[in-house]
């Protein structure tokens, strides 16, 4: 059931009653216990309609050895639809516009997506940018540069709204077009520190989720989210990733889906670059800038020529969060930004969005403690 069925101000004609009932039944079927995507599609194929599949489901469960099976109560679906209306979310149904056609090509495409924001973005060429949550300063700069230049070239940038690389990507691409795929409900702001960013994306971009409204994300939801990130896009770019990370799961999904994989190389001494270097070793395309990606994929019509790699990104707007006052937290943020590759001190200060008088004492503390190294020219790094 889409929001146009309930929105009296919509210019679209209401759905025929039989179609509305069938859509309600499909959502109820998918929300029923033990009904995953493959079971959902098999039941529809066998029984023709979701209403028929719901009627047959208790018997199907009994045949599988499940006694006392009950399908999803109607009240649960009504509550989800009510929550969706409150959040301004639209239900995108596989096979109907504006459900993204490229996503529908994957074997486990979600039958439904909840969407908040501008669904017109789903008709444009998309590319996914993913990377580490504890991104280094160089990784964050690269993320912003790639997102900015790919957006200028005409691509909609897709990522997962996590901290680190994802947040940098969304913020840099916000004005050109960005899509955030969420692991929990589309109305659940996670992580909390990205709440302002999520609200901005709803106004200027698009948030998507296959999960029920109000669902708090758990660890098992993130791999499912990742297949949608890669499935929406012609290619996936991994900017920074450890040897075992969610970004590599997204890359594997992209490979299974027959999509292109690009990776940014990094220092062999930096664990955050290990995953990218492994991908390149195994056949992913090494990229130095957006120009390398566009050369491989082509530039969408109306795009602009990308800038040189790592050109200074546009100034980031100040957000509510800022740098937390705790000294321990400040030390942690500095160390997360640094790796074996030297970074200029002034660049680190800009990335942390803090006053030099606040950062300088913390750098001295970390240097005396042997946790960072200072090289000639004001360059900082972590010991290898």
Protein backbone atom coordinates (compact mmCIF):
# COMPACT_ATOMS: atom_id res chain seq x y z
CA UNK A 1 0.00 0.00 0.00
CA UNK A 2 1.57 3.29 -1.02
CA UNK A 3 1.24 6.63 0.72
CA UNK A 4 -0.81 7.94 -2.17
CA UNK A 5 -3.58 5.60 -1.06
CA UNK A 6 -3.84 7.51 2.21
CA UNK A 7 -2.72 11.02 1.31
CA UNK A 8 -5.77 13.13 0.48
CA UNK A 9 -3.59 15.81 -1.12
CA UNK A 10 -2.09 13.36 -3.63
CA UNK A 11 -2.80 14.08 -7.29
CA UNK A 12 -2.73 10.38 -8.10
CA UNK A 13 -6.06 8.54 -8.38
CA UNK A 14 -6.75 6.05 -5.58
CA UNK A 15 -5.89 2.43 -6.23
CA UNK A 16 -8.77 0.09 -7.08
CA UNK A 17 -9.96 -1.61 -3.93
CA UNK A 18 -8.83 -5.06 -5.08
CA UNK A 19 -5.30 -3.79 -5.76
CA UNK A 20 -5.18 -2.06 -2.36
CA UNK A 21 -6.27 -5.27 -0.63
CA UNK A 22 -3.65 -7.29 -2.52
CA UNK A 23 -0.86 -4.88 -1.58
CA UNK A 24 -1.91 -5.03 2.07
CA UNK A 25 -1.89 -8.83 1.85
CA UNK A 26 1.58 -8.87 0.29
CA UNK A 27 3.01 -6.79 3.10
CA UNK A 28 1.28 -9.02 5.63
CA UNK A 29 2.68 -12.12 3.92
CA UNK A 30 6.25 -10.84 3.99
CA UNK A 31 5.92 -9.83 7.66
CA UNK A 32 4.69 -13.30 8.66
CA UNK A 33 6.95 -15.53 10.71
CA UNK A 34 9.42 -17.68 8.77
CA UNK A 35 8.56 -16.01 5.48
CA UNK A 36 11.74 -14.68 3.91
CA UNK A 37 12.17 -13.27 0.43
CA UNK A 38 12.57 -16.62 -1.34
CA UNK A 39 9.57 -18.14 0.48
CA UNK A 40 7.51 -15.03 -0.23
CA UNK A 41 8.23 -15.22 -3.96
CA UNK A 42 7.65 -18.98 -4.10
CA UNK A 43 4.28 -18.67 -2.35
CA UNK A 44 3.17 -15.93 -4.72
CA UNK A 45 4.24 -18.01 -7.72
CA UNK A 46 2.41 -21.09 -6.44
CA UNK A 47 -0.81 -19.42 -5.30
CA UNK A 48 -1.16 -16.50 -7.70
CA UNK A 49 -2.09 -13.82 -5.16
CA UNK A 50 -0.93 -12.85 -1.69
CA UNK A 51 -4.45 -13.40 -0.35
CA UNK A 52 -4.40 -17.00 -1.57
CA UNK A 53 -0.88 -17.47 -0.20
CA UNK A 54 -1.96 -16.19 3.24
CA UNK A 55 -4.87 -18.61 3.27
CA UNK A 56 -2.53 -21.50 2.44
CA UNK A 57 0.30 -20.48 4.77
CA UNK A 58 -0.87 -22.32 7.95
CA UNK A 59 -1.14 -25.57 6.00
CA UNK A 60 2.25 -25.00 4.39
CA UNK A 61 3.69 -24.51 7.90
CA UNK A 62 2.03 -27.71 9.16
CA UNK A 63 3.50 -29.66 6.25
CA UNK A 64 6.92 -28.30 7.26
CA UNK A 65 6.42 -29.56 10.83
CA UNK A 66 5.43 -26.22 12.40
CA UNK A 67 2.30 -26.57 14.54
CA UNK A 68 0.08 -23.75 15.76
CA UNK A 69 1.35 -21.36 13.06
CA UNK A 70 -0.30 -17.95 12.89
CA UNK A 71 0.15 -15.45 10.09
CA UNK A 72 1.05 -11.83 10.79
CA UNK A 73 -1.94 -10.10 12.45
CA UNK A 74 -3.61 -7.38 10.40
CA UNK A 75 -3.09 -4.93 13.25
CA UNK A 76 0.70 -5.20 12.86
CA UNK A 77 0.47 -4.13 9.22
CA UNK A 78 -1.99 -1.34 10.03
CA UNK A 79 0.45 -0.06 12.68
CA UNK A 80 3.33 -0.14 10.20
CA UNK A 81 1.32 1.81 7.63
CA UNK A 82 0.34 4.35 10.28
CA UNK A 83 3.98 4.79 11.32
CA UNK A 84 4.94 5.22 7.67
CA UNK A 85 2.39 7.99 7.17
CA UNK A 86 3.70 9.75 10.28
CA UNK A 87 7.26 9.55 8.91
CA UNK A 88 6.25 10.64 5.39
CA UNK A 89 7.47 7.30 3.99
CA UNK A 90 6.37 5.81 0.67
CA UNK A 91 6.16 2.09 -0.03
CA UNK A 92 8.02 1.10 -3.19
CA UNK A 93 6.89 -2.24 -4.60
CA UNK A 94 9.10 -4.42 -6.77
CA UNK A 95 7.91 -4.28 -10.35
CA UNK A 96 6.19 -0.90 -9.96
CA UNK A 97 7.63 2.55 -10.53
CA UNK A 98 9.61 4.07 -8.90
CA UNK A 99 11.18 0.84 -7.58
CA UNK A 100 14.76 0.88 -8.94
CA UNK A 101 15.07 -1.35 -11.98
CA UNK A 102 18.73 -2.25 -11.41
CA UNK A 103 17.97 -3.49 -7.89
CA UNK A 104 15.18 -5.71 -9.21
CA UNK A 105 17.79 -7.64 -11.22
CA UNK A 106 19.45 -9.20 -8.14
CA UNK A 107 18.25 -12.64 -7.05
CA UNK A 108 17.22 -11.55 -3.54
CA UNK A 109 15.75 -8.14 -4.37
CA UNK A 110 13.55 -6.86 -1.54
CA UNK A 111 9.86 -7.06 -2.48
CA UNK A 112 9.26 -3.71 -0.74
CA UNK A 113 11.30 -0.66 0.16
CA UNK A 114 10.24 2.14 2.46
CA UNK A 115 11.43 5.50 1.11
CA UNK A 116 11.70 8.95 2.68
CA UNK A 117 12.72 11.77 0.35
CA UNK A 118 13.08 12.28 -3.38
CA UNK A 119 12.38 8.99 -5.19
CA UNK A 120 13.21 10.64 -8.55
CA UNK A 121 16.86 9.96 -7.65
CA UNK A 122 16.20 6.26 -8.29
CA UNK A 123 15.84 6.97 -12.02
CA UNK A 124 19.39 8.36 -12.30
CA UNK A 125 22.71 6.46 -12.60
CA UNK A 126 23.93 5.42 -9.15
CA UNK A 127 27.30 4.47 -7.73
CA UNK A 128 28.04 3.16 -4.22
CA UNK A 129 30.85 4.48 -2.03
CA UNK A 130 31.61 2.56 1.16
CA UNK A 131 34.42 2.39 3.70
CA UNK A 132 35.63 2.26 7.27
CA UNK A 133 33.69 3.64 10.23
CA UNK A 134 36.99 4.60 11.91
CA UNK A 135 38.20 6.32 8.75
CA UNK A 136 41.59 8.01 8.68
CA UNK A 137 42.00 11.64 7.75
CA UNK A 138 43.24 10.67 4.28
CA UNK A 139 40.37 8.22 3.85
CA UNK A 140 37.81 10.84 4.79
CA UNK A 141 39.36 13.37 2.38
CA UNK A 142 39.31 10.81 -0.42
CA UNK A 143 35.67 9.96 0.34
CA UNK A 144 34.65 13.60 0.11
CA UNK A 145 36.63 14.18 -3.08
CA UNK A 146 35.16 11.12 -4.84
CA UNK A 147 31.59 11.89 -3.75
CA UNK A 148 31.90 15.53 -4.82
CA UNK A 149 33.36 14.73 -8.23
CA UNK A 150 31.07 11.79 -9.00
CA UNK A 151 28.07 13.92 -8.05
CA UNK A 152 29.30 16.70 -10.33
CA UNK A 153 29.65 14.13 -13.13
CA UNK A 154 25.97 13.20 -12.77
CA UNK A 155 26.02 10.15 -10.52
CA UNK A 156 23.79 9.71 -7.48
CA UNK A 157 26.04 8.56 -4.63
CA UNK A 158 24.78 5.65 -2.50
CA UNK A 159 26.10 4.68 0.94
CA UNK A 160 25.00 3.27 4.29
CA UNK A 161 24.69 6.29 6.66
CA UNK A 162 27.31 4.88 9.04
CA UNK A 163 29.93 7.04 10.73
CA UNK A 164 33.26 7.62 9.02
CA UNK A 165 33.42 7.19 5.24
CA UNK A 166 29.65 6.85 4.78
CA UNK A 167 28.89 10.11 6.57
CA UNK A 168 31.62 11.96 4.64
CA UNK A 169 30.26 10.63 1.35
CA UNK A 170 26.64 11.61 2.05
CA UNK A 171 27.56 15.08 3.22
CA UNK A 172 29.76 15.79 0.20
CA UNK A 173 27.12 14.51 -2.25
CA UNK A 174 24.09 16.04 -0.54
CA UNK A 175 23.54 18.92 -2.97
CA UNK A 176 24.01 16.74 -6.07
CA UNK A 177 22.02 13.71 -4.93
CA UNK A 178 22.67 10.98 -2.37
CA UNK A 179 20.82 7.86 -1.21
CA UNK A 180 21.26 6.35 2.26
CA UNK A 181 20.30 2.71 2.74
CA UNK A 182 19.49 2.03 6.39
CA UNK A 183 19.89 -1.22 8.30
CA UNK A 184 16.91 -0.54 10.59
CA UNK A 185 13.56 1.06 9.93
CA UNK A 186 13.64 4.08 7.66
CA UNK A 187 12.28 6.14 10.57
CA UNK A 188 15.05 5.03 12.97
CA UNK A 189 18.02 7.39 13.19
CA UNK A 190 21.13 5.21 13.55
CA UNK A 191 23.78 6.02 14.55
CA UNK A 192 22.37 8.85 16.65
CA UNK A 193 25.32 11.12 15.79
CA UNK A 194 24.15 11.14 12.16
CA UNK A 195 20.60 12.24 12.99
CA UNK A 196 21.04 15.73 11.53
CA UNK A 197 22.60 14.27 8.40
CA UNK A 198 19.73 11.78 8.04
CA UNK A 199 17.20 14.60 8.30
CA UNK A 200 19.10 16.59 5.67
CA UNK A 201 19.11 13.58 3.35
CA UNK A 202 15.33 13.28 3.72
CA UNK A 203 15.03 16.90 2.56
CA UNK A 204 17.63 16.86 -0.24
CA UNK A 205 18.19 13.18 -1.03
CA UNK A 206 16.58 9.83 -0.23
CA UNK A 207 16.61 7.30 2.61
CA UNK A 208 15.65 3.66 1.94
CA UNK A 209 15.05 0.53 4.02
CA UNK A 210 13.50 -2.88 3.49
CA UNK A 211 12.90 -3.31 7.23
CA UNK A 212 9.60 -2.66 9.04
CA UNK A 213 9.02 0.83 10.36
CA UNK A 214 10.44 1.37 13.83
CA UNK A 215 12.86 -1.58 13.72
CA UNK A 216 16.04 -0.96 15.70
CA UNK A 217 19.01 -2.32 13.71
CA UNK A 218 20.88 -5.40 14.92
CA UNK A 219 24.18 -6.83 13.67
CA UNK A 220 22.47 -9.30 11.33
CA UNK A 221 20.62 -6.50 9.52
CA UNK A 222 23.77 -4.83 8.17
CA UNK A 223 24.83 -7.57 5.71
CA UNK A 224 21.28 -7.54 4.31
CA UNK A 225 21.49 -3.76 4.00
CA UNK A 226 24.81 -4.07 2.13
CA UNK A 227 23.35 -6.12 -0.74
CA UNK A 228 20.89 -3.27 -1.41
CA UNK A 229 23.69 -0.68 -1.45
CA UNK A 230 25.56 -2.64 -4.11
CA UNK A 231 22.39 -3.75 -5.90
CA UNK A 232 21.25 -0.18 -6.54
CA UNK A 233 24.48 0.73 -8.29
CA UNK A 234 26.41 0.04 -11.45
CA UNK A 235 29.60 -0.12 -9.40
CA UNK A 236 30.85 -0.13 -5.81
CA UNK A 237 33.89 1.84 -4.66
CA UNK A 238 35.67 0.78 -1.46
CA UNK A 239 37.65 3.68 -0.02
CA UNK A 240 39.08 2.25 3.19
CA UNK A 241 38.41 -1.16 4.73
CA UNK A 242 40.06 -3.56 7.13
CA UNK A 243 40.70 -7.17 6.12
CA UNK A 244 37.44 -8.21 7.81
CA UNK A 245 34.84 -5.47 7.43
CA UNK A 246 31.30 -4.77 6.27
CA UNK A 247 32.67 -2.90 3.27
CA UNK A 248 34.18 -6.13 1.95
CA UNK A 249 30.78 -7.79 2.35
CA UNK A 250 29.35 -5.07 0.13
CA UNK A 251 32.15 -5.68 -2.39
CA UNK A 252 31.42 -9.43 -2.41
CA UNK A 253 27.74 -8.69 -2.94
CA UNK A 254 28.64 -6.43 -5.87
CA UNK A 255 30.79 -9.20 -7.35
CA UNK A 256 27.97 -11.75 -6.98
CA UNK A 257 25.60 -9.27 -8.64
CA UNK A 258 27.92 -8.83 -11.61
CA UNK A 259 28.76 -5.22 -10.82
CA UNK A 260 32.10 -3.42 -11.16
CA UNK A 261 34.31 -3.07 -8.08
CA UNK A 262 36.80 -0.25 -7.55
CA UNK A 263 39.17 0.20 -4.63
CA UNK A 264 41.42 2.98 -3.35
CA UNK A 265 44.91 1.66 -2.53
CA UNK A 266 46.55 2.42 0.80
CA UNK A 267 49.69 1.89 2.80
CA UNK A 268 50.46 -1.79 3.51
CA UNK A 269 51.30 -0.65 7.04
CA UNK A 270 47.77 0.68 7.69
CA UNK A 271 45.25 -1.99 8.72
CA UNK A 272 42.44 0.21 7.39
CA UNK A 273 43.84 -0.21 3.87
CA UNK A 274 44.27 -4.00 4.05
CA UNK A 275 40.82 -4.77 2.62
CA UNK A 276 41.22 -2.40 -0.33
CA UNK A 277 44.67 -3.76 -1.13
CA UNK A 278 43.28 -7.31 -1.01
CA UNK A 279 40.49 -6.36 -3.42
CA UNK A 280 43.01 -4.87 -5.86
CA UNK A 281 45.18 -7.99 -5.58
CA UNK A 282 42.14 -10.11 -6.40
CA UNK A 283 41.15 -8.10 -9.47
CA UNK A 284 39.31 -4.94 -8.38
CA UNK A 285 40.18 -1.83 -10.38
CA UNK A 286 42.62 0.49 -8.63
CA UNK A 287 41.40 4.09 -8.64
CA UNK A 288 43.17 7.32 -7.79
CA UNK A 289 40.32 9.75 -8.43
CA UNK A 290 36.80 10.02 -9.79
CA UNK A 291 38.33 10.42 -13.24
CA UNK A 292 39.46 6.76 -13.13
CA UNK A 293 35.92 5.64 -12.31
CA UNK A 294 34.33 7.77 -14.99
CA UNK A 295 36.84 6.54 -17.55
CA UNK A 296 35.75 2.96 -16.77
CA UNK A 297 31.98 3.57 -16.53
CA UNK A 298 31.44 6.65 -18.66
CA UNK A 299 29.99 9.98 -17.61
CA UNK A 300 26.21 10.38 -17.37
CA UNK A 301 24.79 12.95 -19.77
CA UNK A 302 25.09 16.48 -18.42
CA UNK A 303 27.91 15.66 -16.02
CA UNK A 304 30.91 17.85 -15.37
CA UNK A 305 34.60 17.07 -15.73
CA UNK A 306 35.91 15.77 -12.38
CA UNK A 307 38.53 17.65 -10.43
CA UNK A 308 42.03 16.36 -9.74
CA UNK A 309 42.28 13.78 -6.93
CA UNK A 310 42.13 15.11 -3.40
CA UNK A 311 41.33 18.68 -4.38
CA UNK A 312 40.24 20.60 -1.27
CA UNK A 313 36.59 19.67 -0.58
CA UNK A 314 33.88 22.28 -0.11
CA UNK A 315 33.63 23.64 3.41
CA UNK A 316 31.50 21.39 5.61
CA UNK A 317 28.66 23.05 7.47
CA UNK A 318 28.93 23.00 11.22
CA UNK A 319 26.65 20.43 12.81
CA UNK A 320 25.35 20.22 16.33
CA UNK A 321 27.62 17.42 17.40
CA UNK A 322 31.04 19.18 17.19
CA UNK A 323 34.09 17.78 18.96
CA UNK A 324 33.25 16.23 22.31
CA UNK A 325 34.92 17.83 25.32
CA UNK A 326 36.31 14.66 26.87
CA UNK A 327 40.10 14.48 26.57
CA UNK A 328 39.95 10.71 26.21
CA UNK A 329 37.42 11.03 23.40
CA UNK A 330 39.54 13.69 21.69
CA UNK A 331 42.60 11.43 21.82
CA UNK A 332 40.53 8.61 20.34
CA UNK A 333 39.29 10.80 17.47
CA UNK A 334 42.82 11.96 16.65
CA UNK A 335 44.18 8.41 16.62
CA UNK A 336 41.31 7.20 14.42
CA UNK A 337 42.18 9.88 11.86
CA UNK A 338 45.87 8.98 11.71
CA UNK A 339 47.65 6.00 10.21
CA UNK A 340 51.15 5.12 9.00
CA UNK A 341 50.82 7.56 6.07
CA UNK A 342 51.76 11.09 7.25
CA UNK A 343 49.03 13.73 7.38
CA UNK A 344 49.55 17.48 7.69
CA UNK A 345 48.65 18.82 11.13
CA UNK A 346 46.53 21.63 9.67
CA UNK A 347 44.61 19.09 7.58
CA UNK A 348 43.93 16.98 10.67
CA UNK A 349 42.62 20.06 12.50
CA UNK A 350 40.29 20.88 9.60
CA UNK A 351 39.02 17.29 9.48
CA UNK A 352 38.25 17.34 13.21
CA UNK A 353 36.56 20.75 12.88
CA UNK A 354 38.20 22.02 16.07
CA UNK A 355 40.24 25.01 17.15
CA UNK A 356 44.05 24.57 17.02
CA UNK A 357 44.28 25.61 20.69
CA UNK A 358 42.16 22.55 21.56
CA UNK A 359 44.02 20.09 19.34
CA UNK A 360 47.60 21.20 20.05
CA UNK A 361 47.77 20.03 23.73
CA UNK A 362 46.22 16.69 22.79
CA UNK A 363 48.84 16.17 20.06
CA UNK A 364 51.62 16.89 22.55
CA UNK A 365 50.15 14.37 25.01
CA UNK A 366 49.93 11.67 22.33
CA UNK A 367 53.42 12.44 21.03
CA UNK A 368 54.95 12.17 24.52
CA UNK A 369 53.06 8.92 25.02
CA UNK A 370 54.57 7.51 21.82
CA UNK A 371 51.18 7.06 20.13
CA UNK A 372 51.89 9.48 17.28
CA UNK A 373 55.00 10.56 15.39
CA UNK A 374 55.77 14.10 14.24
CA UNK A 375 57.86 14.46 11.07
CA UNK A 376 59.47 17.55 9.51
CA UNK A 377 57.00 19.83 7.78
CA UNK A 378 54.28 19.43 10.39
CA UNK A 379 53.37 15.88 9.33
CA UNK A 380 51.75 13.47 11.78
CA UNK A 381 51.43 9.70 11.66
CA UNK A 382 51.00 6.67 13.90
CA UNK A 383 53.91 4.30 14.54
CA UNK A 384 53.87 1.30 12.22
